[in-house]
Every structure is written in C-alpha cells, then in structure tokens.
N, C-alpha and C. Protein backbone atom coordinates (compact mmCIF):
# COMPACT_ATOMS: atom_id res chain seq x y z
N MET A 1 108.48 102.01 122.23
CA MET A 1 109.02 103.02 121.07
C MET A 1 109.09 104.31 121.63
N TRP A 2 107.91 105.04 122.45
CA TRP A 2 108.00 106.17 122.94
C TRP A 2 109.40 106.59 123.72
N ALA A 3 109.41 105.55 124.51
CA ALA A 3 110.60 105.86 125.54
C ALA A 3 112.08 106.07 124.77
N LEU A 4 112.07 105.38 123.63
CA LEU A 4 113.44 105.81 123.06
C LEU A 4 113.47 107.15 122.43
N LEU A 5 112.44 107.97 122.17
CA LEU A 5 112.37 109.24 121.95
C LEU A 5 112.79 110.07 123.38
N GLU A 6 114.03 110.29 123.36
CA GLU A 6 114.35 110.97 124.73
C GLU A 6 114.19 112.61 124.63
N ARG A 7 114.68 113.04 123.66
CA ARG A 7 114.43 114.54 123.44
C ARG A 7 113.10 115.05 123.17
N PRO A 8 112.75 116.15 123.83
CA PRO A 8 111.36 116.72 123.58
C PRO A 8 110.96 116.88 122.07
N ALA A 9 112.07 117.62 121.43
CA ALA A 9 111.86 117.68 120.05
C ALA A 9 111.66 116.75 119.22
N ALA A 10 112.27 115.54 119.59
CA ALA A 10 112.02 114.21 118.65
C ALA A 10 110.57 113.98 118.88
N ARG A 11 110.05 113.89 120.16
CA ARG A 11 108.91 113.29 120.51
C ARG A 11 107.70 114.33 119.83
N LYS A 12 108.11 115.65 119.68
CA LYS A 12 107.08 116.72 119.04
C LYS A 12 107.04 116.49 117.38
N LEU A 13 108.05 115.93 116.99
CA LEU A 13 108.14 115.83 115.59
C LEU A 13 107.43 114.55 115.21
N VAL A 14 107.52 113.53 116.10
CA VAL A 14 106.90 112.18 116.00
C VAL A 14 105.36 112.23 115.99
N GLU A 15 105.14 113.06 117.02
CA GLU A 15 103.45 113.21 117.27
C GLU A 15 102.96 114.24 116.51
N ALA A 16 103.43 114.94 115.74
CA ALA A 16 103.10 116.00 114.76
C ALA A 16 102.72 114.84 113.55
N ALA A 17 103.81 114.06 113.31
CA ALA A 17 103.60 113.11 112.04
C ALA A 17 102.51 112.09 112.26
N ALA A 18 102.35 111.60 113.62
CA ALA A 18 101.06 110.94 113.90
C ALA A 18 99.82 111.37 113.77
N ARG A 19 99.80 112.66 114.17
CA ARG A 19 98.71 113.57 113.98
C ARG A 19 98.37 113.59 112.48
N GLY A 20 99.10 113.80 111.67
CA GLY A 20 98.92 113.83 110.34
C GLY A 20 98.33 112.61 109.76
N GLU A 21 99.09 111.63 109.95
CA GLU A 21 98.57 110.18 109.48
C GLU A 21 97.24 109.65 110.10
N LEU A 22 97.00 110.13 111.24
CA LEU A 22 95.97 109.66 111.80
C LEU A 22 94.66 110.59 111.27
N ALA A 23 94.88 111.66 110.75
CA ALA A 23 93.68 112.39 110.09
C ALA A 23 93.61 111.76 108.82
N ARG A 24 94.72 111.26 108.04
CA ARG A 24 94.75 110.83 106.88
C ARG A 24 93.95 109.27 106.97
N VAL A 25 94.28 108.55 107.97
CA VAL A 25 93.53 107.34 108.20
C VAL A 25 91.99 107.50 108.50
N VAL A 26 91.66 108.67 109.14
CA VAL A 26 90.23 108.98 109.36
C VAL A 26 89.51 109.04 108.15
N GLY A 27 90.03 109.61 107.10
CA GLY A 27 89.49 109.45 105.88
C GLY A 27 88.90 108.26 105.22
N PHE A 28 89.80 107.20 105.60
CA PHE A 28 89.12 105.89 104.95
C PHE A 28 88.70 104.88 106.02
N ALA A 29 89.09 105.10 107.38
CA ALA A 29 88.54 104.28 108.39
C ALA A 29 87.47 104.86 109.30
N GLY A 30 87.39 106.25 109.21
CA GLY A 30 86.34 106.62 110.28
C GLY A 30 86.80 107.09 111.35
N ARG A 31 86.44 108.23 112.08
CA ARG A 31 86.88 109.01 113.15
C ARG A 31 86.87 107.85 114.40
N THR A 32 86.11 106.91 114.59
CA THR A 32 85.94 106.06 115.78
C THR A 32 87.04 104.86 115.37
N ASP A 33 87.21 104.30 114.32
CA ASP A 33 88.18 103.25 114.08
C ASP A 33 89.63 103.67 113.72
N ALA A 34 89.64 104.85 113.45
CA ALA A 34 91.15 105.20 112.88
C ALA A 34 92.19 105.16 114.06
N PRO A 35 92.15 105.30 115.12
CA PRO A 35 93.08 105.37 116.28
C PRO A 35 93.65 103.59 116.28
N GLN A 36 92.71 102.91 116.08
CA GLN A 36 92.84 101.49 116.28
C GLN A 36 93.65 100.84 115.02
N VAL A 37 93.11 101.45 113.90
CA VAL A 37 93.65 101.21 112.65
C VAL A 37 95.19 101.46 112.41
N LEU A 38 95.41 102.70 112.90
CA LEU A 38 96.45 103.18 112.96
C LEU A 38 97.70 102.47 113.86
N ALA A 39 97.19 102.14 114.98
CA ALA A 39 98.08 101.58 116.12
C ALA A 39 98.40 100.17 115.65
N ASP A 40 97.53 99.29 114.87
CA ASP A 40 97.63 98.12 114.49
C ASP A 40 98.55 98.23 113.38
N ARG A 41 98.50 98.90 112.67
CA ARG A 41 99.43 99.02 111.50
C ARG A 41 100.83 99.14 111.92
N LEU A 42 101.00 100.07 113.06
CA LEU A 42 102.24 100.29 113.74
C LEU A 42 102.90 99.10 114.25
N ALA A 43 101.82 98.39 114.98
CA ALA A 43 102.17 97.22 115.68
C ALA A 43 102.88 95.98 114.72
N ARG A 44 101.94 95.93 113.42
CA ARG A 44 102.48 94.95 112.52
C ARG A 44 103.85 95.13 111.94
N ARG A 45 104.08 96.53 111.58
CA ARG A 45 105.39 96.95 111.15
C ARG A 45 106.47 96.78 112.01
N LEU A 46 106.41 97.06 113.19
CA LEU A 46 107.40 96.81 114.26
C LEU A 46 107.56 95.32 114.30
N GLU A 47 106.43 94.46 114.39
CA GLU A 47 106.75 93.01 114.32
C GLU A 47 107.46 92.66 113.06
N ASP A 48 107.38 93.09 111.95
CA ASP A 48 107.95 92.49 110.75
C ASP A 48 109.34 93.17 110.88
N LEU A 49 109.75 94.38 111.41
CA LEU A 49 111.06 94.75 111.35
C LEU A 49 111.73 94.11 112.58
N LYS A 50 111.19 93.75 113.54
CA LYS A 50 112.02 92.64 114.49
C LYS A 50 112.30 91.43 114.02
N ARG A 51 111.40 90.97 113.30
CA ARG A 51 111.61 89.61 112.62
C ARG A 51 112.76 89.54 111.57
N LEU A 52 112.61 90.71 110.68
CA LEU A 52 113.48 90.68 109.38
C LEU A 52 114.88 91.67 109.93
N ALA A 53 114.81 92.41 110.61
CA ALA A 53 115.91 93.33 110.80
C ALA A 53 116.62 93.37 112.32
N GLY A 54 115.67 93.06 113.12
CA GLY A 54 116.19 92.96 114.43
C GLY A 54 115.72 94.12 115.29
N SER A 55 116.63 95.25 115.34
CA SER A 55 116.18 96.41 116.09
C SER A 55 116.33 97.82 115.31
N ILE A 56 115.76 98.77 116.03
CA ILE A 56 115.41 100.25 115.48
C ILE A 56 116.60 101.03 115.78
N LYS A 57 117.63 101.59 114.68
CA LYS A 57 118.56 102.29 115.40
C LYS A 57 118.26 103.64 115.10
N ASP A 58 117.14 104.01 114.60
CA ASP A 58 116.93 105.25 114.35
C ASP A 58 115.16 105.49 114.70
N PRO A 59 114.90 105.53 115.75
CA PRO A 59 113.58 105.53 116.05
C PRO A 59 112.52 106.64 115.30
N VAL A 60 113.08 107.90 115.54
CA VAL A 60 112.46 108.98 114.66
C VAL A 60 112.45 108.69 113.24
N GLY A 61 113.22 108.26 112.56
CA GLY A 61 113.36 108.15 111.47
C GLY A 61 112.60 107.03 110.69
N TRP A 62 112.36 106.03 111.75
CA TRP A 62 111.55 104.79 111.20
C TRP A 62 109.99 105.35 111.69
N LEU A 63 109.65 106.06 112.60
CA LEU A 63 108.45 106.37 112.92
C LEU A 63 107.77 107.29 111.93
N ILE A 64 108.82 108.47 111.66
CA ILE A 64 108.52 109.31 110.65
C ILE A 64 108.24 108.60 109.23
N GLY A 65 108.77 107.70 108.94
CA GLY A 65 108.80 107.25 107.80
C GLY A 65 107.61 106.35 107.35
N LEU A 66 107.16 105.83 108.53
CA LEU A 66 105.96 104.97 108.42
C LEU A 66 104.87 105.12 107.59
N PRO A 67 104.36 106.47 107.50
CA PRO A 67 103.31 106.80 106.56
C PRO A 67 103.68 106.69 105.26
N SER A 68 104.84 106.54 104.77
CA SER A 68 105.25 106.35 103.33
C SER A 68 105.26 105.08 103.01
N TRP A 69 105.20 104.21 103.91
CA TRP A 69 105.43 102.76 103.55
C TRP A 69 104.00 102.27 102.81
N PRO A 70 104.04 101.29 102.10
CA PRO A 70 102.75 100.85 101.47
C PRO A 70 101.68 100.59 102.27
N HIS A 71 100.38 100.63 101.93
CA HIS A 71 99.52 100.46 103.11
C HIS A 71 98.68 99.31 103.05
N SER A 72 99.45 98.20 102.27
CA SER A 72 98.73 97.14 102.39
C SER A 72 98.79 96.12 103.72
N ARG A 73 98.19 95.05 103.71
CA ARG A 73 98.23 94.25 104.81
C ARG A 73 97.03 94.50 105.74
C-alpha cells in the first residue's frame, strides 16, 4: 500500500493520520500492543476490500478514511 503513495505530501498525510490513530488505539490496547492491533485492523480491512470491491483506486482516501470505519471485528 505504501508503494502506491508516490508523492511525499501524500505519504506525510497518511503518516500523520496513522500516528493519530495509533495514539487513539494506545488508549484501549496499550502502548505495547497498539501497533499490532492497528496493523491487524488494516490487514483485515484490506482483505475485505479485495474480496468485496477488488482494488483501491484512491489509496490516500482509503487510508485516511480507515479511522472513521466502525471498530468492530
């Protein structure tokens, strides 16, 4: 997914969103487990997308939109 973010500005935007979401996840998963919890959630959602919709046409929009998705599963 990171390779699809060709522009430095896009990478900075996604990186900032990921840091913010990681800070939120630390609140319920703890500092040690938060990175894995967030990575697992991203992997599940990416697999769901591939199964249901195929490919990602707007990787920045998809990645930035992840935190607003329901946090179930």
